[in-house]
């Protein structure tokens, strides 16, 4: 026989979906404070939020007669019609959070509207409500949640240790605080203040919560297109993490975890992120509420988009463009000012300089022209000691001083010492040239005066036969001489001085692993990266100063040159101040 469930059980089932742990309850209460226009929010927790969650704000408050409704399922002031549901502008809207919390705790809700003579409060024990009674409160709302899951011991058994539950509450607190920098927040646990955040702008709030290390290793972005505005901070690839914990994305102030967005960001970092590392970012997307559906999941962290493809491309291209020249810090401009709706102090910006302004002209040797292309000329200082006038005109990566162990280039710039991994840097330079030429269909082919033959197996022959057009697009001409013999008749001009046979074997091997239908889209970067690796300067290659300087200038003009093709850094800077500390100068 089918029977209707009692309201008490219905509320507890709903609580199981919405209130998974103390952090879930804290999230719902904090969102109500934000929606109420609070400018100050204080949070007190005991025993990780299990014993007590107390949130006090100075928002608009709840009228006396509405207090019982605030703890009644599906009662809300935030939406009234179906049309309101299609353009939600508030964080909360279902009207079930407080009722769900009240059904599994001892809850006290106190409030005072400014126009009321005094405050009122109401008690809920396991969902049973008392009548409103007078209370003392200056303004706003205070919610106290005592003994969470006291009446559902099975649920309480699944809670973790106090430290674990507090860490989840702290993370929830961070997300809300990041999305509302205009609000001052205080977090207290077991009588100790853990966080105190004053009202600030977005960039200051990010620094308050993620630290100065993140600020120094991140780029500010602000990009608008149609009704989309993406802004915030993205960290350089060298600041990547082993987990996704430091990834914050907000849509219209709401923290979300969305696969489409995560994929767009991951794709933007793909070319510069090392192996299984994860990017770090704090990003905010403002868009028309009618373009997304937030009523997808009880926790409201999942959303759906009306035009997901356009959004994916917007996010991907915005971040990809920012990461293309990470060594050139963004200057204070209108787009950055839009992040905080106020002027932001200028980050120390590199200014590209024309190396032709310094010293006398020095033509690189012939073999270096083979490495970097004919016609490359570099200007270097006329002496190792750089004059004050030259000091003002030093380019970002400076001028070479010499090589270390045949692996690293040592250079001097305005700030101090630059150390460059020459193989990694040249690999990125070649890779970006290949990508640009391939995309623009200008990848030139260099016919070999004497074709290079090599023995291959049956798979090599079949691969060469089936992929003639793709090989031609990549700058190769590989002919079949016999069932076991192949001849390389042409290679990409930029790779003409590499080991032709090894390069051809590797390209054929990789073509066999790829779905050729996807080669020209998703997989082409992997193939071009492999080709670039063949051309990169090898360790123990001795370069002259003009050669080293030519590489530095190439790096300054190459997108994503801060990382090699595999995401490792290509250079580091040690400031003169840090060198002075190492040698205890001035002490």
Protein backbone atom coordinates (compact mmCIF):
# COMPACT_ATOMS: atom_id res chain seq x y z
CA UNK A 1 0.00 0.00 0.00
CA UNK A 2 1.33 3.44 -0.93
CA UNK A 3 1.21 6.03 1.85
CA UNK A 4 2.17 9.67 2.08
CA UNK A 5 5.29 10.27 4.13
CA UNK A 6 5.02 12.47 7.23
CA UNK A 7 6.40 16.00 6.87
CA UNK A 8 9.17 15.21 9.37
CA UNK A 9 10.55 12.40 7.21
CA UNK A 10 10.16 14.46 4.02
CA UNK A 11 12.17 17.28 5.59
CA UNK A 12 14.90 14.90 6.71
CA UNK A 13 15.15 13.36 3.23
CA UNK A 14 15.47 16.87 1.82
CA UNK A 15 18.11 17.67 4.43
CA UNK A 16 20.08 14.62 3.31
CA UNK A 17 20.32 16.08 -0.19
CA UNK A 18 21.00 19.70 0.77
CA UNK A 19 22.85 19.41 4.11
CA UNK A 20 25.53 16.76 3.63
CA UNK A 21 27.77 18.04 6.44
CA UNK A 22 28.29 21.17 8.59
CA UNK A 23 29.94 22.96 5.65
CA UNK A 24 26.74 22.52 3.62
CA UNK A 25 24.68 24.20 6.34
CA UNK A 26 27.24 26.99 6.63
CA UNK A 27 27.11 27.58 2.87
CA UNK A 28 23.33 27.98 2.82
CA UNK A 29 23.32 30.37 5.78
CA UNK A 30 26.17 32.50 4.38
CA UNK A 31 24.43 32.73 1.01
CA UNK A 32 21.35 34.08 2.78
CA UNK A 33 23.52 36.74 4.43
CA UNK A 34 24.93 37.79 1.07
CA UNK A 35 21.46 37.89 -0.50
CA UNK A 36 20.26 40.04 2.41
CA UNK A 37 22.80 42.76 1.55
CA UNK A 38 24.96 42.28 4.64
CA UNK A 39 28.22 44.24 4.86
CA UNK A 40 29.55 42.38 7.90
CA UNK A 41 29.30 38.66 8.64
CA UNK A 42 30.67 36.85 11.69
CA UNK A 43 30.92 33.07 11.85
CA UNK A 44 31.48 31.02 15.00
CA UNK A 45 32.03 27.27 14.88
CA UNK A 46 32.50 24.66 17.57
CA UNK A 47 33.80 21.15 17.01
CA UNK A 48 34.05 21.61 13.27
CA UNK A 49 30.49 22.98 13.10
CA UNK A 50 28.88 19.83 14.50
CA UNK A 51 28.25 21.29 17.95
CA UNK A 52 27.59 24.87 16.82
CA UNK A 53 27.33 26.99 13.69
CA UNK A 54 26.56 30.61 14.46
CA UNK A 55 26.30 33.20 11.68
CA UNK A 56 25.51 36.82 12.50
CA UNK A 57 25.05 39.47 9.78
CA UNK A 58 23.91 43.07 9.55
CA UNK A 59 21.69 42.58 6.52
CA UNK A 60 18.09 43.58 5.93
CA UNK A 61 16.62 41.23 8.51
CA UNK A 62 13.37 39.24 8.54
CA UNK A 63 10.07 40.69 9.78
CA UNK A 64 8.56 39.08 12.90
CA UNK A 65 5.63 37.54 11.05
CA UNK A 66 7.93 35.96 8.44
CA UNK A 67 10.13 34.11 10.93
CA UNK A 68 8.00 30.92 10.92
CA UNK A 69 7.85 31.04 7.12
CA UNK A 70 11.65 31.26 6.95
CA UNK A 71 11.76 27.79 8.52
CA UNK A 72 8.96 26.37 6.40
CA UNK A 73 9.88 24.26 3.34
CA UNK A 74 9.63 26.01 -0.04
CA UNK A 75 8.83 29.40 1.43
CA UNK A 76 11.03 32.15 -0.03
CA UNK A 77 11.07 35.86 -0.81
CA UNK A 78 13.51 35.50 -3.69
CA UNK A 79 11.28 34.17 -6.45
CA UNK A 80 7.53 34.41 -6.99
CA UNK A 81 6.83 33.21 -10.53
CA UNK A 82 8.12 30.72 -13.07
CA UNK A 83 9.69 33.62 -14.95
CA UNK A 84 11.73 34.49 -11.85
CA UNK A 85 13.12 30.94 -11.85
CA UNK A 86 14.41 31.47 -15.38
CA UNK A 87 16.48 34.54 -14.46
CA UNK A 88 17.69 33.93 -10.92
CA UNK A 89 19.89 36.72 -9.60
CA UNK A 90 20.21 35.58 -5.97
CA UNK A 91 22.35 32.80 -4.51
CA UNK A 92 19.41 31.14 -2.77
CA UNK A 93 15.96 30.68 -4.26
CA UNK A 94 14.40 27.30 -3.32
CA UNK A 95 13.35 28.19 0.20
CA UNK A 96 14.31 24.79 1.61
CA UNK A 97 17.75 25.30 3.17
CA UNK A 98 16.81 26.68 6.58
CA UNK A 99 13.89 24.25 6.86
CA UNK A 100 16.22 21.36 6.05
CA UNK A 101 18.78 22.49 8.62
CA UNK A 102 16.07 22.97 11.25
CA UNK A 103 14.78 19.43 10.71
CA UNK A 104 18.12 17.89 11.77
CA UNK A 105 19.28 20.29 14.49
CA UNK A 106 18.29 22.59 17.29
CA UNK A 107 18.08 25.92 15.50
CA UNK A 108 17.57 29.46 16.77
CA UNK A 109 16.71 32.19 14.26
CA UNK A 110 16.82 35.77 15.54
CA UNK A 111 16.22 38.90 13.48
CA UNK A 112 15.51 42.59 13.63
CA UNK A 113 14.43 44.95 10.90
CA UNK A 114 15.69 48.48 11.47
CA UNK A 115 12.15 49.83 11.67
CA UNK A 116 11.16 47.36 14.42
CA UNK A 117 11.44 48.33 18.09
CA UNK A 118 13.33 45.19 19.05
CA UNK A 119 14.43 41.83 17.70
CA UNK A 120 12.44 38.59 17.57
CA UNK A 121 13.56 35.01 17.61
CA UNK A 122 12.12 31.58 16.94
CA UNK A 123 13.27 28.12 18.00
CA UNK A 124 13.16 24.92 15.97
CA UNK A 125 13.96 21.56 17.48
CA UNK A 126 13.99 18.73 14.97
CA UNK A 127 11.68 20.78 12.76
CA UNK A 128 9.12 21.72 15.47
CA UNK A 129 8.72 25.50 15.66
CA UNK A 130 8.10 27.70 18.67
CA UNK A 131 6.25 30.98 18.58
CA UNK A 132 8.29 34.17 17.95
CA UNK A 133 9.48 35.80 21.15
CA UNK A 134 11.38 39.04 21.91
CA UNK A 135 15.18 39.00 21.64
CA UNK A 136 18.12 41.40 21.80
CA UNK A 137 19.76 42.17 18.49
CA UNK A 138 20.89 45.47 16.95
CA UNK A 139 20.04 44.60 13.35
CA UNK A 140 20.21 41.86 10.77
CA UNK A 141 19.92 38.10 11.29
CA UNK A 142 21.63 35.62 13.57
CA UNK A 143 21.31 31.89 12.94
CA UNK A 144 22.48 29.38 15.54
CA UNK A 145 22.61 25.70 14.61
CA UNK A 146 23.21 23.44 17.63
CA UNK A 147 23.96 19.70 17.60
CA UNK A 148 23.65 19.00 13.91
CA UNK A 149 22.13 15.55 13.16
CA UNK A 150 21.25 15.00 16.84
CA UNK A 151 18.06 13.20 15.74
CA UNK A 152 19.62 11.23 12.88
CA UNK A 153 22.50 9.30 14.50
CA UNK A 154 23.05 7.19 11.39
CA UNK A 155 23.79 10.38 9.44
CA UNK A 156 26.04 11.73 12.15
CA UNK A 157 28.18 8.57 12.09
CA UNK A 158 29.30 9.44 8.56
CA UNK A 159 30.83 12.75 9.62
CA UNK A 160 34.63 12.86 9.75
CA UNK A 161 36.97 14.18 12.42
CA UNK A 162 36.58 17.66 13.85
CA UNK A 163 39.65 18.85 11.90
CA UNK A 164 38.25 17.49 8.63
CA UNK A 165 34.82 19.02 9.12
CA UNK A 166 36.37 22.37 10.00
CA UNK A 167 38.56 22.28 6.88
CA UNK A 168 35.41 21.83 4.77
CA UNK A 169 33.76 24.74 6.59
CA UNK A 170 36.85 26.88 6.07
CA UNK A 171 36.81 26.10 2.34
CA UNK A 172 33.14 27.09 2.14
CA UNK A 173 33.93 30.29 4.01
CA UNK A 174 36.73 31.07 1.51
CA UNK A 175 34.44 30.61 -1.49
CA UNK A 176 31.77 32.94 -0.13
CA UNK A 177 34.39 35.49 0.93
CA UNK A 178 36.01 35.44 -2.53
CA UNK A 179 32.68 36.05 -4.24
CA UNK A 180 31.79 38.98 -1.93
CA UNK A 181 34.91 41.11 -1.32
CA UNK A 182 32.77 44.11 -0.32
CA UNK A 183 31.69 42.24 2.82
CA UNK A 184 33.92 41.94 5.89
CA UNK A 185 34.09 38.39 7.24
CA UNK A 186 35.30 36.87 10.51
CA UNK A 187 35.71 33.13 11.13
CA UNK A 188 36.12 31.77 14.65
CA UNK A 189 36.60 28.12 15.63
CA UNK A 190 36.52 26.85 19.19
CA UNK A 191 37.00 30.38 20.49
CA UNK A 192 39.98 31.23 18.25
CA UNK A 193 39.81 33.66 15.33
CA UNK A 194 41.02 31.84 12.21
CA UNK A 195 40.27 34.48 9.57
CA UNK A 196 39.47 38.16 9.67
CA UNK A 197 38.85 39.80 6.30
CA UNK A 198 38.13 43.46 5.93
CA UNK A 199 36.04 44.82 3.10
CA UNK A 200 38.24 45.14 0.01
CA UNK A 201 38.31 44.88 -3.76
CA UNK A 202 38.54 41.64 -5.72
CA UNK A 203 42.31 41.56 -6.14
CA UNK A 204 42.96 42.34 -2.48
CA UNK A 205 40.49 39.66 -1.36
CA UNK A 206 42.20 37.09 -3.61
CA UNK A 207 45.54 37.95 -2.04
CA UNK A 208 44.04 37.79 1.47
CA UNK A 209 42.83 34.24 0.91
CA UNK A 210 45.34 32.73 -1.53
CA UNK A 211 48.42 34.56 -0.33
CA UNK A 212 51.08 36.84 -1.82
CA UNK A 213 52.77 33.90 -3.56
CA UNK A 214 49.69 33.43 -5.72
CA UNK A 215 49.48 37.15 -6.40
CA UNK A 216 53.10 37.30 -7.57
CA UNK A 217 52.65 34.24 -9.79
CA UNK A 218 49.36 35.23 -11.37
CA UNK A 219 48.04 37.36 -14.21
CA UNK A 220 45.05 39.66 -13.99
CA UNK A 221 42.55 39.22 -16.78
CA UNK A 222 39.42 41.08 -17.79
CA UNK A 223 37.66 40.36 -21.07
CA UNK A 224 34.20 41.21 -22.34
CA UNK A 225 32.21 39.85 -25.27
CA UNK A 226 28.49 40.46 -25.78
CA UNK A 227 26.90 39.93 -22.34
CA UNK A 228 29.86 37.95 -20.97
CA UNK A 229 32.52 39.43 -18.70
CA UNK A 230 35.33 37.19 -17.46
CA UNK A 231 37.78 38.61 -14.93
CA UNK A 232 40.03 37.57 -12.07
CA UNK A 233 43.46 35.96 -11.73
CA UNK A 234 45.06 32.97 -13.42
CA UNK A 235 48.34 31.60 -12.11
CA UNK A 236 51.36 31.00 -14.28
CA UNK A 237 51.96 27.34 -15.13
CA UNK A 238 54.94 27.21 -12.76
CA UNK A 239 52.50 27.77 -9.88
CA UNK A 240 50.48 24.67 -10.76
CA UNK A 241 49.32 22.20 -8.10
CA UNK A 242 49.08 18.43 -7.80
CA UNK A 243 45.32 18.68 -7.12
CA UNK A 244 42.35 20.83 -8.19
CA UNK A 245 41.84 22.31 -4.73
CA UNK A 246 42.99 25.82 -5.67
CA UNK A 247 40.49 26.35 -8.49
CA UNK A 248 37.71 28.87 -7.94
CA UNK A 249 35.18 29.78 -10.61
CA UNK A 250 32.13 31.95 -9.93
CA UNK A 251 29.17 32.73 -12.18
CA UNK A 252 27.21 35.80 -11.12
CA UNK A 253 28.75 35.42 -7.66
CA UNK A 254 27.91 31.71 -7.32
CA UNK A 255 30.73 29.16 -6.93
CA UNK A 256 30.33 26.40 -9.51
CA UNK A 257 32.08 23.24 -10.60
CA UNK A 258 31.26 22.71 -14.23
CA UNK A 259 32.83 20.21 -16.64
CA UNK A 260 32.51 22.50 -19.64
CA UNK A 261 34.27 25.37 -17.87
CA UNK A 262 36.94 23.08 -16.41
CA UNK A 263 37.62 21.67 -19.89
CA UNK A 264 37.93 25.14 -21.44
CA UNK A 265 40.46 26.21 -18.80
CA UNK A 266 42.38 22.96 -19.03
CA UNK A 267 42.61 23.32 -22.81
CA UNK A 268 43.93 26.87 -22.42
CA UNK A 269 46.71 25.53 -20.17
CA UNK A 270 47.35 22.37 -22.20
CA UNK A 271 50.31 23.75 -24.12
CA UNK A 272 52.11 25.10 -21.06
CA UNK A 273 51.17 22.80 -18.16
CA UNK A 274 53.45 20.01 -17.08
CA UNK A 275 52.08 16.47 -17.20
CA UNK A 276 49.47 15.82 -14.50
CA UNK A 277 49.69 19.22 -12.82
CA UNK A 278 46.57 21.35 -12.36
CA UNK A 279 46.20 25.11 -12.92
CA UNK A 280 45.33 27.53 -10.14
CA UNK A 281 42.88 30.36 -10.68
CA UNK A 282 40.19 32.61 -9.22
CA UNK A 283 37.81 33.62 -12.00
CA UNK A 284 34.50 35.43 -12.10
CA UNK A 285 32.03 35.28 -14.96
CA UNK A 286 29.18 37.75 -15.15
CA UNK A 287 26.48 36.91 -17.65
CA UNK A 288 22.79 37.29 -18.33
CA UNK A 289 20.96 35.03 -15.82
CA UNK A 290 18.62 33.94 -18.59
CA UNK A 291 21.57 32.27 -20.31
CA UNK A 292 22.04 29.61 -17.64
CA UNK A 293 20.05 27.25 -15.45
CA UNK A 294 21.20 27.02 -11.82
CA UNK A 295 18.28 24.84 -10.77
CA UNK A 296 20.10 21.62 -11.66
CA UNK A 297 21.43 20.21 -8.38
CA UNK A 298 20.38 20.65 -4.73
CA UNK A 299 23.82 22.05 -3.85
CA UNK A 300 23.55 24.54 -6.75
CA UNK A 301 27.18 24.02 -7.79
CA UNK A 302 26.19 22.57 -11.18
CA UNK A 303 24.72 24.68 -13.95
CA UNK A 304 23.61 24.37 -17.56
CA UNK A 305 24.19 26.91 -20.32
CA UNK A 306 21.99 27.98 -23.18
CA UNK A 307 25.00 28.34 -25.53
CA UNK A 308 27.74 26.12 -24.09
CA UNK A 309 29.96 26.14 -27.20
CA UNK A 310 30.20 29.93 -27.36
CA UNK A 311 30.96 30.12 -23.63
CA UNK A 312 33.64 27.43 -23.93
CA UNK A 313 35.38 29.30 -26.73
CA UNK A 314 35.17 32.63 -24.90
CA UNK A 315 36.79 31.23 -21.74
CA UNK A 316 39.39 29.25 -23.69
CA UNK A 317 40.52 32.14 -25.88
CA UNK A 318 40.56 34.67 -23.01
CA UNK A 319 42.84 32.55 -20.83
CA UNK A 320 44.93 31.26 -23.71
CA UNK A 321 45.63 34.83 -24.81
CA UNK A 322 46.66 35.81 -21.27
CA UNK A 323 49.04 32.87 -20.95
CA UNK A 324 50.60 33.49 -24.36
CA UNK A 325 52.96 36.19 -23.01
CA UNK A 326 53.09 35.60 -19.25
CA UNK A 327 56.47 37.32 -18.78
CA UNK A 328 54.83 40.58 -19.81
CA UNK A 329 52.77 41.53 -16.75
CA UNK A 330 49.51 43.32 -17.41
CA UNK A 331 49.65 47.05 -16.95
CA UNK A 332 46.95 49.09 -15.26
CA UNK A 333 44.40 49.75 -17.96
CA UNK A 334 40.67 49.92 -18.44
CA UNK A 335 40.25 46.14 -18.58
CA UNK A 336 42.09 45.57 -15.31
CA UNK A 337 40.34 48.50 -13.68
CA UNK A 338 37.08 46.80 -14.57
CA UNK A 339 37.99 43.97 -12.21
CA UNK A 340 37.72 46.16 -9.15
CA UNK A 341 35.74 49.04 -10.67
CA UNK A 342 38.62 51.18 -9.48
CA UNK A 343 42.22 51.78 -10.44
CA UNK A 344 44.67 49.02 -9.60
CA UNK A 345 48.36 49.70 -8.91
CA UNK A 346 50.38 48.76 -11.96
CA UNK A 347 52.13 45.42 -11.78
CA UNK A 348 55.82 45.60 -12.60
CA UNK A 349 55.54 45.33 -16.36
CA UNK A 350 58.21 44.22 -18.74
CA UNK A 351 58.59 46.54 -21.69
CA UNK A 352 59.70 45.01 -24.96
CA UNK A 353 62.82 46.69 -26.28
CA UNK A 354 64.29 46.63 -29.74
CA UNK A 355 67.64 44.82 -29.39
CA UNK A 356 68.82 46.82 -32.42
CA UNK A 357 69.18 49.87 -30.14
CA UNK A 358 72.12 48.52 -28.17
CA UNK A 359 75.78 48.05 -29.01
CA UNK A 360 77.20 47.15 -32.35
CA UNK A 361 75.68 44.71 -34.81
CA UNK A 362 77.01 41.16 -34.63
CA UNK A 363 75.96 38.57 -37.18
CA UNK A 364 75.51 35.09 -35.70
CA UNK A 365 77.60 32.24 -37.16
CA UNK A 366 76.21 30.17 -40.01
CA UNK A 367 75.21 27.16 -37.88
CA UNK A 368 73.10 29.38 -35.65
CA UNK A 369 71.26 30.75 -38.66
CA UNK A 370 70.40 27.13 -39.44
CA UNK A 371 68.97 26.74 -35.96
CA UNK A 372 66.88 29.91 -35.90
CA UNK A 373 66.40 30.82 -39.55
CA UNK A 374 68.36 32.94 -41.96
CA UNK A 375 68.61 36.66 -41.48
CA UNK A 376 68.52 36.70 -37.66
CA UNK A 377 70.79 39.39 -36.27
CA UNK A 378 71.32 40.32 -32.64
CA UNK A 379 72.54 43.47 -30.99
CA UNK A 380 74.59 42.98 -27.84
CA UNK A 381 76.39 45.37 -25.50
CA UNK A 382 79.85 46.33 -26.64
CA UNK A 383 81.34 45.20 -23.32
CA UNK A 384 80.45 42.89 -20.43
CA UNK A 385 79.97 45.92 -18.18
CA UNK A 386 76.73 47.66 -19.06
CA UNK A 387 76.58 51.46 -18.89
CA UNK A 388 73.76 53.39 -17.18
CA UNK A 389 72.33 54.38 -20.56
CA UNK A 390 72.35 50.76 -21.71
CA UNK A 391 70.87 49.71 -18.36
CA UNK A 392 67.72 51.71 -19.18
CA UNK A 393 67.36 49.92 -22.51
CA UNK A 394 68.01 46.34 -21.45
CA UNK A 395 65.31 43.99 -22.81
CA UNK A 396 63.31 41.75 -20.44
CA UNK A 397 65.61 38.72 -20.59
CA UNK A 398 68.75 40.85 -20.66
CA UNK A 399 72.03 40.04 -22.37
CA UNK A 400 74.02 36.85 -22.17
CA UNK A 401 77.10 36.57 -19.96
CA UNK A 402 77.99 32.97 -20.81
CA UNK A 403 77.02 29.30 -20.58
CA UNK A 404 76.93 26.98 -17.59
CA UNK A 405 77.88 23.31 -18.15
CA UNK A 406 76.70 23.55 -21.76
CA UNK A 407 73.09 23.49 -20.50
CA UNK A 408 72.14 26.91 -19.18
CA UNK A 409 72.55 30.45 -20.49
CA UNK A 410 73.40 33.06 -17.87
CA UNK A 411 72.21 36.58 -18.66
CA UNK A 412 71.96 39.95 -16.92
CA UNK A 413 68.85 42.10 -17.01
CA UNK A 414 67.68 45.14 -15.02
CA UNK A 415 66.60 43.07 -12.02
CA UNK A 416 69.55 40.71 -11.73
CA UNK A 417 70.50 37.29 -13.07
CA UNK A 418 68.54 35.32 -15.68
CA UNK A 419 69.11 31.56 -16.04
CA UNK A 420 67.78 29.97 -19.23
CA UNK A 421 67.47 26.26 -20.07
CA UNK A 422 68.60 26.63 -23.68
CA UNK A 423 67.17 23.30 -24.92
CA UNK A 424 63.76 23.91 -23.36
CA UNK A 425 63.65 27.51 -24.60
CA UNK A 426 64.66 26.65 -28.16
CA UNK A 427 62.17 23.79 -28.18
CA UNK A 428 59.34 26.24 -27.37
CA UNK A 429 60.55 28.75 -29.97
CA UNK A 430 60.60 26.07 -32.68
CA UNK A 431 57.26 24.65 -31.57
CA UNK A 432 55.48 28.00 -31.77
CA UNK A 433 56.95 28.62 -35.23
CA UNK A 434 55.70 25.24 -36.39
CA UNK A 435 52.22 25.88 -34.99
CA UNK A 436 51.99 29.28 -36.59
CA UNK A 437 53.22 28.03 -39.96
CA UNK A 438 50.92 25.00 -39.84
CA UNK A 439 47.85 27.05 -38.96
CA UNK A 440 48.62 29.61 -41.66
CA UNK A 441 49.48 26.90 -44.18
CA UNK A 442 52.92 28.44 -44.65
CA UNK A 443 54.97 25.49 -43.38
CA UNK A 444 57.64 25.48 -46.07
CA UNK A 445 59.19 22.25 -47.39
CA UNK A 446 62.93 21.82 -47.96
CA UNK A 447 63.71 19.28 -50.74
CA UNK A 448 66.77 17.19 -49.95
CA UNK A 449 69.51 17.24 -52.59
CA UNK A 450 70.09 13.55 -51.90
CA UNK A 451 67.03 11.69 -50.55
CA UNK A 452 67.65 9.82 -47.31
CA UNK A 453 66.59 6.17 -47.41
CA UNK A 454 65.90 3.89 -44.47
CA UNK A 455 64.50 0.46 -43.77
CA UNK A 456 61.01 0.32 -42.36
CA UNK A 457 58.52 -2.35 -41.41
CA UNK A 458 55.16 -3.01 -43.02
CA UNK A 459 53.38 -0.59 -40.67
CA UNK A 460 55.76 2.23 -41.59
CA UNK A 461 55.05 1.70 -45.28
CA UNK A 462 51.28 1.56 -44.80
CA UNK A 463 51.33 4.68 -42.60
CA UNK A 464 53.35 6.62 -45.17
CA UNK A 465 50.99 5.53 -47.95
CA UNK A 466 47.78 6.33 -46.08
CA UNK A 467 48.93 9.69 -44.73
CA UNK A 468 50.51 11.37 -47.75
CA UNK A 469 48.35 14.46 -47.50
CA UNK A 470 48.91 14.88 -43.76
CA UNK A 471 52.65 14.39 -44.17
CA UNK A 472 52.66 16.99 -46.93
CA UNK A 473 50.79 19.45 -44.67
CA UNK A 474 53.49 18.85 -42.06
CA UNK A 475 56.24 19.58 -44.61
CA UNK A 476 57.33 16.00 -45.37
CA UNK A 477 57.64 14.02 -48.57
CA UNK A 478 58.24 10.34 -47.85
CA UNK A 479 58.28 7.98 -50.82
CA UNK A 480 57.89 4.21 -50.85
CA UNK A 481 60.77 2.50 -52.71
CA UNK A 482 59.97 -1.09 -51.80
CA UNK A 483 57.83 -3.05 -49.31
CA UNK A 484 60.55 -2.40 -46.72
CA UNK A 485 62.31 0.75 -47.90
CA UNK A 486 61.28 4.40 -47.53
CA UNK A 487 62.95 7.57 -48.80
CA UNK A 488 62.66 11.01 -47.24
CA UNK A 489 62.74 13.50 -50.09
CA UNK A 490 61.73 16.66 -48.23
CA UNK A 491 61.39 17.88 -44.66
CA UNK A 492 60.06 21.09 -43.06
CA UNK A 493 62.59 23.87 -43.72
CA UNK A 494 62.84 24.69 -40.03
CA UNK A 495 63.91 21.08 -39.32
CA UNK A 496 66.30 20.56 -42.21
CA UNK A 497 69.38 20.15 -39.99
CA UNK A 498 67.96 17.44 -37.73
CA UNK A 499 68.48 13.67 -37.87
CA UNK A 500 66.18 13.05 -40.83
CA UNK A 501 65.79 9.29 -40.37
CA UNK A 502 65.02 9.50 -36.65
CA UNK A 503 62.57 12.35 -37.28
CA UNK A 504 60.77 10.39 -40.02
CA UNK A 505 60.53 7.24 -37.90
CA UNK A 506 59.09 9.18 -34.96
CA UNK A 507 56.53 10.99 -37.12
CA UNK A 508 55.33 7.72 -38.66
CA UNK A 509 55.10 6.11 -35.21
CA UNK A 510 53.00 8.97 -33.88
CA UNK A 511 50.74 9.02 -36.91
CA UNK A 512 49.89 5.38 -36.26
CA UNK A 513 48.76 6.23 -32.73
CA UNK A 514 46.53 9.10 -33.76
CA UNK A 515 43.05 9.07 -35.19
CA UNK A 516 43.89 10.83 -38.43
CA UNK A 517 40.47 12.45 -38.47
CA UNK A 518 41.45 14.30 -35.30
CA UNK A 519 45.06 14.95 -36.24
CA UNK A 520 44.47 18.40 -37.59
CA UNK A 521 42.55 19.50 -34.47
CA UNK A 522 43.10 17.92 -31.07
CA UNK A 523 46.30 15.99 -31.75
CA UNK A 524 48.29 18.26 -34.02
CA UNK A 525 50.02 20.05 -31.13
CA UNK A 526 51.42 16.78 -29.81
CA UNK A 527 52.84 15.96 -33.21
CA UNK A 528 54.32 19.42 -33.76
CA UNK A 529 55.79 19.34 -30.27
CA UNK A 530 57.55 16.09 -31.09
CA UNK A 531 58.93 17.63 -34.27
CA UNK A 532 60.17 20.68 -32.37
CA UNK A 533 61.96 18.52 -29.85
CA UNK A 534 64.08 17.06 -32.66
CA UNK A 535 65.27 20.52 -33.64
CA UNK A 536 66.04 21.93 -30.20
CA UNK A 537 69.61 22.69 -29.18
CA UNK A 538 71.10 19.73 -27.36
CA UNK A 539 72.99 19.79 -24.08
CA UNK A 540 76.74 20.51 -24.27
CA UNK A 541 76.28 22.56 -27.45
CA UNK A 542 78.62 25.52 -27.12
CA UNK A 543 77.04 28.79 -28.25
CA UNK A 544 78.67 32.15 -28.79
CA UNK A 545 77.38 35.29 -27.05
CA UNK A 546 75.61 36.49 -30.25
CA UNK A 547 73.91 33.09 -30.52
CA UNK A 548 72.77 33.21 -26.91
CA UNK A 549 71.44 36.74 -27.30
CA UNK A 550 69.60 35.78 -30.46
CA UNK A 551 67.84 33.02 -28.51
CA UNK A 552 66.90 35.46 -25.74
CA UNK A 553 65.41 37.86 -28.30
CA UNK A 554 63.50 34.98 -29.91
CA UNK A 555 62.08 34.04 -26.51
CA UNK A 556 60.85 37.60 -25.93
CA UNK A 557 58.97 37.51 -29.21
CA UNK A 558 57.55 34.00 -28.77
CA UNK A 559 54.23 33.23 -27.14
CA UNK A 560 54.27 30.93 -24.10
CA UNK A 561 58.06 31.03 -24.00
CA UNK A 562 58.09 30.81 -20.20
CA UNK A 563 57.45 27.05 -20.47
CA UNK A 564 58.78 24.35 -22.74
CA UNK A 565 56.41 22.14 -24.75
CA UNK A 566 56.01 19.84 -21.74
CA UNK A 567 55.14 22.59 -19.26
CA UNK A 568 58.51 22.91 -17.54
CA UNK A 569 59.91 26.42 -16.95
CA UNK A 570 62.43 27.69 -19.51
CA UNK A 571 63.97 30.42 -17.35
CA UNK A 572 64.26 31.81 -13.84
CA UNK A 573 65.23 35.19 -12.50
CA UNK A 574 67.28 35.79 -9.35
CA UNK A 575 67.03 39.41 -8.30
CA UNK A 576 70.05 41.38 -7.20
CA UNK A 577 68.39 41.83 -3.80
CA UNK A 578 68.18 38.05 -3.34
CA UNK A 579 71.78 37.64 -4.44
CA UNK A 580 72.78 40.25 -1.86
CA UNK A 581 70.93 38.24 0.80
CA UNK A 582 72.72 35.05 -0.20
CA UNK A 583 76.11 36.76 0.24
CA UNK A 584 74.97 38.68 3.34
CA UNK A 585 75.86 42.00 1.78
CA UNK A 586 75.00 45.02 3.91
CA UNK A 587 75.00 43.02 7.16
